[in-house]
Protein backbone atom coordinates (compact mmCIF):
# COMPACT_ATOMS: atom_id res chain seq x y z
CA UNK A 1 0.00 0.00 0.00
CA UNK A 2 1.30 3.46 -0.93
CA UNK A 3 0.54 7.04 0.02
CA UNK A 4 -1.27 8.93 -2.76
CA UNK A 5 1.05 10.58 -5.25
CA UNK A 6 -0.81 13.90 -5.15
CA UNK A 7 -0.34 14.39 -1.39
CA UNK A 8 1.19 17.76 -0.58
CA UNK A 9 3.36 17.69 2.54
CA UNK A 10 3.98 14.73 4.84
CA UNK A 11 2.04 12.56 7.27
CA UNK A 12 3.39 11.78 10.76
CA UNK A 13 2.09 8.48 12.13
CA UNK A 14 3.56 6.97 15.28
CA UNK A 15 7.04 8.35 14.66
CA UNK A 16 6.97 7.44 10.97
CA UNK A 17 7.05 10.25 8.39
CA UNK A 18 5.44 9.42 5.05
CA UNK A 19 5.38 11.54 1.90
CA UNK A 20 3.64 11.15 -1.46
CA UNK A 21 4.41 7.80 -3.07
CA UNK A 22 5.97 6.26 0.06
CA UNK A 23 5.18 2.68 0.96
CA UNK A 24 3.22 2.34 4.19
CA UNK A 25 5.16 0.04 6.53
CA UNK A 26 3.53 -3.08 8.00
CA UNK A 27 1.67 -2.35 11.21
CA UNK A 28 1.05 1.33 10.35
CA UNK A 29 -2.60 2.23 9.83
CA UNK A 30 -3.53 5.18 7.63
CA UNK A 31 -6.90 6.48 6.50
CA UNK A 32 -8.29 5.54 3.12
CA UNK A 33 -8.12 9.21 2.08
CA UNK A 34 -4.30 8.96 2.16
CA UNK A 35 -3.95 5.70 0.26
CA UNK A 36 -3.42 5.50 -3.49
CA UNK A 37 -6.15 3.72 -5.41
CA UNK A 38 -5.19 0.69 -7.42
CA UNK A 39 -5.42 1.44 -11.12
CA UNK A 40 -7.05 -1.27 -13.20
CA UNK A 41 -6.98 0.50 -16.55
CA UNK A 42 -4.86 -2.20 -18.14
CA UNK A 43 -7.40 -4.84 -17.14
CA UNK A 44 -10.53 -2.93 -18.11
CA UNK A 45 -9.19 -1.14 -21.17
CA UNK A 46 -10.51 2.12 -19.75
CA UNK A 47 -8.77 5.40 -20.48
CA UNK A 48 -10.04 6.92 -17.25
CA UNK A 49 -12.17 9.42 -19.13
CA UNK A 50 -15.92 9.48 -18.93
CA UNK A 51 -17.86 9.56 -22.14
CA UNK A 52 -20.55 12.11 -22.67
CA UNK A 53 -23.44 11.49 -24.91
CA UNK A 54 -23.60 14.11 -27.61
CA UNK A 55 -26.82 16.01 -27.99
CA UNK A 56 -28.84 15.43 -31.10
CA UNK A 57 -28.88 18.37 -33.43
CA UNK A 58 -32.22 20.02 -34.00
CA UNK A 59 -33.28 21.89 -37.02
CA UNK A 60 -33.69 25.55 -36.28
CA UNK A 61 -36.14 27.77 -38.00
CA UNK A 62 -36.00 31.52 -38.57
CA UNK A 63 -39.74 31.70 -39.37
PDB file of N, CA and C in Angstrom:
ATOM      1  N   UNK A   1       0.852  -1.156   0.000  1.00  0.00           N
ATOM      2  CA  UNK A   1       0.000   0.000   0.000  1.00  0.00           C
ATOM      3  C   UNK A   1       0.908   1.232   0.000  1.00  0.00           C
ATOM      4  N   UNK A   2       0.509   2.237  -0.793  1.00  0.00           N
ATOM      5  CA  UNK A   2       1.302   3.459  -0.927  1.00  0.00           C
ATOM      6  C   UNK A   2       0.469   4.689  -0.602  1.00  0.00           C
ATOM      7  N   UNK A   3       1.173   5.752  -0.188  1.00  0.00           N
ATOM      8  CA  UNK A   3       0.539   7.044   0.018  1.00  0.00           C
ATOM      9  C   UNK A   3       0.246   7.650  -1.350  1.00  0.00           C
ATOM     10  N   UNK A   4      -0.883   8.337  -1.474  1.00  0.00           N
ATOM     11  CA  UNK A   4      -1.271   8.935  -2.757  1.00  0.00           C
ATOM     12  C   UNK A   4      -0.164   9.828  -3.303  1.00  0.00           C
ATOM     13  N   UNK A   5      -0.016   9.821  -4.600  1.00  0.00           N
ATOM     14  CA  UNK A   5       1.055  10.579  -5.255  1.00  0.00           C
ATOM     15  C   UNK A   5       0.774  12.072  -5.298  1.00  0.00           C
ATOM     16  N   UNK A   6      -0.485  12.478  -5.087  1.00  0.00           N
ATOM     17  CA  UNK A   6      -0.805  13.901  -5.146  1.00  0.00           C
ATOM     18  C   UNK A   6      -0.833  14.563  -3.764  1.00  0.00           C
ATOM     19  N   UNK A   7      -0.389  13.839  -2.742  1.00  0.00           N
ATOM     20  CA  UNK A   7      -0.344  14.390  -1.391  1.00  0.00           C
ATOM     21  C   UNK A   7       0.686  15.508  -1.329  1.00  0.00           C
ATOM     22  N   UNK A   8       0.278  16.641  -0.771  1.00  0.00           N
ATOM     23  CA  UNK A   8       1.192  17.764  -0.584  1.00  0.00           C
ATOM     24  C   UNK A   8       1.584  17.782   0.883  1.00  0.00           C
ATOM     25  N   UNK A   9       2.879  17.717   1.161  1.00  0.00           N
ATOM     26  CA  UNK A   9       3.358  17.694   2.542  1.00  0.00           C
ATOM     27  C   UNK A   9       3.678  16.274   2.970  1.00  0.00           C
ATOM     28  N   UNK A  10       3.668  16.054   4.293  1.00  0.00           N
ATOM     29  CA  UNK A  10       3.976  14.734   4.839  1.00  0.00           C
ATOM     30  C   UNK A  10       2.927  14.365   5.882  1.00  0.00           C
ATOM     31  N   UNK A  11       2.935  13.080   6.241  1.00  0.00           N
ATOM     32  CA  UNK A  11       2.044  12.561   7.270  1.00  0.00           C
ATOM     33  C   UNK A  11       2.917  11.956   8.357  1.00  0.00           C
ATOM     34  N   UNK A  12       2.672  12.336   9.616  1.00  0.00           N
ATOM     35  CA  UNK A  12       3.390  11.780  10.762  1.00  0.00           C
ATOM     36  C   UNK A  12       2.473  10.786  11.453  1.00  0.00           C
ATOM     37  N   UNK A  13       2.895   9.523  11.499  1.00  0.00           N
ATOM     38  CA  UNK A  13       2.085   8.484  12.133  1.00  0.00           C
ATOM     39  C   UNK A  13       2.990   7.645  13.026  1.00  0.00           C
ATOM     40  N   UNK A  14       2.808   7.783  14.330  1.00  0.00           N
ATOM     41  CA  UNK A  14       3.562   6.965  15.283  1.00  0.00           C
ATOM     42  C   UNK A  14       5.066   7.033  15.098  1.00  0.00           C
ATOM     43  N   UNK A  15       5.600   8.198  14.845  1.00  0.00           N
ATOM     44  CA  UNK A  15       7.038   8.352  14.663  1.00  0.00           C
ATOM     45  C   UNK A  15       7.526   8.074  13.252  1.00  0.00           C
ATOM     46  N   UNK A  16       6.619   7.706  12.364  1.00  0.00           N
ATOM     47  CA  UNK A  16       6.969   7.441  10.969  1.00  0.00           C
ATOM     48  C   UNK A  16       6.507   8.635  10.140  1.00  0.00           C
ATOM     49  N   UNK A  17       7.397   9.138   9.275  1.00  0.00           N
ATOM     50  CA  UNK A  17       7.055  10.254   8.394  1.00  0.00           C
ATOM     51  C   UNK A  17       6.901   9.703   6.977  1.00  0.00           C
ATOM     52  N   UNK A  18       5.715   9.913   6.397  1.00  0.00           N
ATOM     53  CA  UNK A  18       5.442   9.416   5.048  1.00  0.00           C
ATOM     54  C   UNK A  18       5.107  10.573   4.125  1.00  0.00           C
ATOM     55  N   UNK A  19       5.640  10.524   2.925  1.00  0.00           N
ATOM     56  CA  UNK A  19       5.378  11.540   1.899  1.00  0.00           C
ATOM     57  C   UNK A  19       4.697  10.870   0.715  1.00  0.00           C
ATOM     58  N   UNK A  20       4.324  11.654  -0.268  1.00  0.00           N
ATOM     59  CA  UNK A  20       3.645  11.146  -1.459  1.00  0.00           C
ATOM     60  C   UNK A  20       4.449  10.025  -2.109  1.00  0.00           C
ATOM     61  N   UNK A  21       3.777   8.924  -2.387  1.00  0.00           N
ATOM     62  CA  UNK A  21       4.409   7.796  -3.065  1.00  0.00           C
ATOM     63  C   UNK A  21       5.136   6.826  -2.158  1.00  0.00           C
ATOM     64  N   UNK A  22       5.286   7.161  -0.866  1.00  0.00           N
ATOM     65  CA  UNK A  22       5.973   6.261   0.062  1.00  0.00           C
ATOM     66  C   UNK A  22       5.142   5.018   0.328  1.00  0.00           C
ATOM     67  N   UNK A  23       5.830   3.917   0.579  1.00  0.00           N
ATOM     68  CA  UNK A  23       5.177   2.679   0.956  1.00  0.00           C
ATOM     69  C   UNK A  23       4.854   2.733   2.442  1.00  0.00           C
ATOM     70  N   UNK A  24       3.636   2.367   2.789  1.00  0.00           N
ATOM     71  CA  UNK A  24       3.221   2.344   4.192  1.00  0.00           C
ATOM     72  C   UNK A  24       3.779   1.076   4.826  1.00  0.00           C
ATOM     73  N   UNK A  25       4.576   1.227   5.893  1.00  0.00           N
ATOM     74  CA  UNK A  25       5.162   0.040   6.533  1.00  0.00           C
ATOM     75  C   UNK A  25       4.100  -0.857   7.171  1.00  0.00           C
ATOM     76  N   UNK A  26       4.429  -2.136   7.329  1.00  0.00           N
ATOM     77  CA  UNK A  26       3.528  -3.077   7.997  1.00  0.00           C
ATOM     78  C   UNK A  26       3.275  -2.604   9.423  1.00  0.00           C
ATOM     79  N   UNK A  27       2.032  -2.731   9.858  1.00  0.00           N
ATOM     80  CA  UNK A  27       1.668  -2.353  11.207  1.00  0.00           C
ATOM     81  C   UNK A  27       1.259  -0.898  11.354  1.00  0.00           C
ATOM     82  N   UNK A  28       1.455  -0.082  10.308  1.00  0.00           N
ATOM     83  CA  UNK A  28       1.049   1.325  10.348  1.00  0.00           C
ATOM     84  C   UNK A  28      -0.310   1.440   9.676  1.00  0.00           C
ATOM     85  N   UNK A  29      -1.250   2.064  10.360  1.00  0.00           N
ATOM     86  CA  UNK A  29      -2.596   2.230   9.835  1.00  0.00           C
ATOM     87  C   UNK A  29      -2.800   3.664   9.392  1.00  0.00           C
ATOM     88  N   UNK A  30      -3.235   3.846   8.157  1.00  0.00           N
ATOM     89  CA  UNK A  30      -3.535   5.183   7.634  1.00  0.00           C
ATOM     90  C   UNK A  30      -4.954   5.183   7.088  1.00  0.00           C
ATOM     91  N   UNK A  31      -5.551   6.355   7.034  1.00  0.00           N
ATOM     92  CA  UNK A  31      -6.902   6.478   6.505  1.00  0.00           C
ATOM     93  C   UNK A  31      -6.946   6.240   5.011  1.00  0.00           C
ATOM     94  N   UNK A  32      -8.113   5.804   4.544  1.00  0.00           N
ATOM     95  CA  UNK A  32      -8.291   5.539   3.116  1.00  0.00           C
ATOM     96  C   UNK A  32      -8.066   6.783   2.271  1.00  0.00           C
ATOM     97  N   UNK A  33      -8.292   7.967   2.835  1.00  0.00           N
ATOM     98  CA  UNK A  33      -8.121   9.207   2.083  1.00  0.00           C
ATOM     99  C   UNK A  33      -6.652   9.497   1.778  1.00  0.00           C
ATOM    100  N   UNK A  34      -5.731   8.770   2.408  1.00  0.00           N
ATOM    101  CA  UNK A  34      -4.298   8.956   2.160  1.00  0.00           C
ATOM    102  C   UNK A  34      -3.700   7.883   1.257  1.00  0.00           C
ATOM    103  N   UNK A  35      -4.461   6.843   0.997  1.00  0.00           N
ATOM    104  CA  UNK A  35      -3.947   5.695   0.261  1.00  0.00           C
ATOM    105  C   UNK A  35      -4.248   5.826  -1.226  1.00  0.00           C
ATOM    106  N   UNK A  36      -3.252   5.468  -2.037  1.00  0.00           N
ATOM    107  CA  UNK A  36      -3.423   5.503  -3.489  1.00  0.00           C
ATOM    108  C   UNK A  36      -4.377   4.400  -3.914  1.00  0.00           C
ATOM    109  N   UNK A  37      -5.236   4.724  -4.873  1.00  0.00           N
ATOM    110  CA  UNK A  37      -6.147   3.721  -5.408  1.00  0.00           C
ATOM    111  C   UNK A  37      -5.404   2.841  -6.397  1.00  0.00           C
ATOM    112  N   UNK A  38      -5.800   1.601  -6.457  1.00  0.00           N
ATOM    113  CA  UNK A  38      -5.194   0.686  -7.422  1.00  0.00           C
ATOM    114  C   UNK A  38      -5.798   0.963  -8.782  1.00  0.00           C
ATOM    115  N   UNK A  39      -4.957   1.139  -9.772  1.00  0.00           N
ATOM    116  CA  UNK A  39      -5.424   1.445 -11.121  1.00  0.00           C
ATOM    117  C   UNK A  39      -5.591   0.141 -11.877  1.00  0.00           C
ATOM    118  N   UNK A  40      -6.769  -0.044 -12.453  1.00  0.00           N
ATOM    119  CA  UNK A  40      -7.054  -1.266 -13.199  1.00  0.00           C
ATOM    120  C   UNK A  40      -7.319  -0.949 -14.661  1.00  0.00           C
ATOM    121  N   UNK A  41      -6.731   0.119 -15.159  1.00  0.00           N
ATOM    122  CA  UNK A  41      -6.977   0.502 -16.550  1.00  0.00           C
ATOM    123  C   UNK A  41      -6.505  -0.560 -17.523  1.00  0.00           C
ATOM    124  N   UNK A  42      -5.387  -1.194 -17.227  1.00  0.00           N
ATOM    125  CA  UNK A  42      -4.862  -2.200 -18.142  1.00  0.00           C
ATOM    126  C   UNK A  42      -5.810  -3.391 -18.249  1.00  0.00           C
ATOM    127  N   UNK A  43      -6.475  -3.713 -17.128  1.00  0.00           N
ATOM    128  CA  UNK A  43      -7.400  -4.840 -17.141  1.00  0.00           C
ATOM    129  C   UNK A  43      -8.707  -4.497 -17.836  1.00  0.00           C
ATOM    130  N   UNK A  44      -9.211  -3.282 -17.587  1.00  0.00           N
ATOM    131  CA  UNK A  44     -10.530  -2.930 -18.109  1.00  0.00           C
ATOM    132  C   UNK A  44     -10.477  -2.292 -19.486  1.00  0.00           C
ATOM    133  N   UNK A  45      -9.296  -1.816 -19.889  1.00  0.00           N
ATOM    134  CA  UNK A  45      -9.191  -1.143 -21.167  1.00  0.00           C
ATOM    135  C   UNK A  45      -9.694   0.285 -21.108  1.00  0.00           C
ATOM    136  N   UNK A  46      -9.984   0.768 -19.916  1.00  0.00           N
ATOM    137  CA  UNK A  46     -10.511   2.118 -19.747  1.00  0.00           C
ATOM    138  C   UNK A  46      -9.396   3.141 -19.862  1.00  0.00           C
ATOM    139  N   UNK A  47      -9.737   4.313 -20.390  1.00  0.00           N
ATOM    140  CA  UNK A  47      -8.771   5.397 -20.483  1.00  0.00           C
ATOM    141  C   UNK A  47      -8.880   6.330 -19.289  1.00  0.00           C
ATOM    142  N   UNK A  48      -9.855   6.074 -18.411  1.00  0.00           N
ATOM    143  CA  UNK A  48     -10.039   6.918 -17.254  1.00  0.00           C
ATOM    144  C   UNK A  48     -10.902   8.135 -17.533  1.00  0.00           C
ATOM    145  N   UNK A  49     -11.324   8.288 -18.754  1.00  0.00           N
ATOM    146  CA  UNK A  49     -12.173   9.419 -19.125  1.00  0.00           C
ATOM    147  C   UNK A  49     -13.613   8.960 -19.216  1.00  0.00           C
ATOM    148  N   UNK A  50     -14.508   9.821 -18.796  1.00  0.00           N
ATOM    149  CA  UNK A  50     -15.917   9.478 -18.932  1.00  0.00           C
ATOM    150  C   UNK A  50     -16.397   9.945 -20.292  1.00  0.00           C
ATOM    151  N   UNK A  51     -17.304   9.190 -20.835  1.00  0.00           N
ATOM    152  CA  UNK A  51     -17.862   9.562 -22.140  1.00  0.00           C
ATOM    153  C   UNK A  51     -19.139  10.334 -21.926  1.00  0.00           C
ATOM    154  N   UNK A  52     -19.297  11.366 -22.711  1.00  0.00           N
ATOM    155  CA  UNK A  52     -20.547  12.109 -22.665  1.00  0.00           C
ATOM    156  C   UNK A  52     -21.314  11.849 -23.930  1.00  0.00           C
ATOM    157  N   UNK A  53     -22.588  11.724 -23.761  1.00  0.00           N
ATOM    158  CA  UNK A  53     -23.441  11.493 -24.915  1.00  0.00           C
ATOM    159  C   UNK A  53     -23.691  12.823 -25.592  1.00  0.00           C
ATOM    160  N   UNK A  54     -23.396  12.884 -26.860  1.00  0.00           N
ATOM    161  CA  UNK A  54     -23.598  14.113 -27.610  1.00  0.00           C
ATOM    162  C   UNK A  54     -25.073  14.409 -27.792  1.00  0.00           C
ATOM    163  N   UNK A  55     -25.413  15.664 -27.786  1.00  0.00           N
ATOM    164  CA  UNK A  55     -26.817  16.005 -27.988  1.00  0.00           C
ATOM    165  C   UNK A  55     -27.168  15.877 -29.463  1.00  0.00           C
ATOM    166  N   UNK A  56     -28.407  15.553 -29.720  1.00  0.00           N
ATOM    167  CA  UNK A  56     -28.843  15.434 -31.097  1.00  0.00           C
ATOM    168  C   UNK A  56     -29.064  16.848 -31.650  1.00  0.00           C
ATOM    169  N   UNK A  57     -28.686  17.043 -32.860  1.00  0.00           N
ATOM    170  CA  UNK A  57     -28.883  18.370 -33.431  1.00  0.00           C
ATOM    171  C   UNK A  57     -30.340  18.547 -33.847  1.00  0.00           C
ATOM    172  N   UNK A  58     -30.827  19.720 -33.650  1.00  0.00           N
ATOM    173  CA  UNK A  58     -32.219  20.024 -33.996  1.00  0.00           C
ATOM    174  C   UNK A  58     -32.233  21.065 -35.073  1.00  0.00           C
ATOM    175  N   UNK A  59     -33.148  20.896 -35.960  1.00  0.00           N
ATOM    176  CA  UNK A  59     -33.283  21.887 -37.023  1.00  0.00           C
ATOM    177  C   UNK A  59     -33.817  23.179 -36.418  1.00  0.00           C
ATOM    178  N   UNK A  60     -33.202  24.272 -36.777  1.00  0.00           N
ATOM    179  CA  UNK A  60     -33.694  25.554 -36.280  1.00  0.00           C
ATOM    180  C   UNK A  60     -34.433  26.274 -37.404  1.00  0.00           C
ATOM    181  N   UNK A  61     -35.356  27.074 -37.018  1.00  0.00           N
ATOM    182  CA  UNK A  61     -36.145  27.771 -38.005  1.00  0.00           C
ATOM    183  C   UNK A  61     -36.123  29.273 -37.699  1.00  0.00           C
ATOM    184  N   UNK A  62     -35.992  30.081 -38.737  1.00  0.00           N
ATOM    185  CA  UNK A  62     -35.998  31.517 -38.566  1.00  0.00           C
ATOM    186  C   UNK A  62     -37.368  32.105 -38.902  1.00  0.00           C
ATOM    187  N   UNK A  63     -38.384  31.251 -38.985  1.00  0.00           N
ATOM    188  CA  UNK A  63     -39.737  31.698 -39.366  1.00  0.00           C
ATOM    189  C   UNK A  63     -40.280  32.677 -38.389  1.00  0.00           C
TER     190      UNK A  63
END
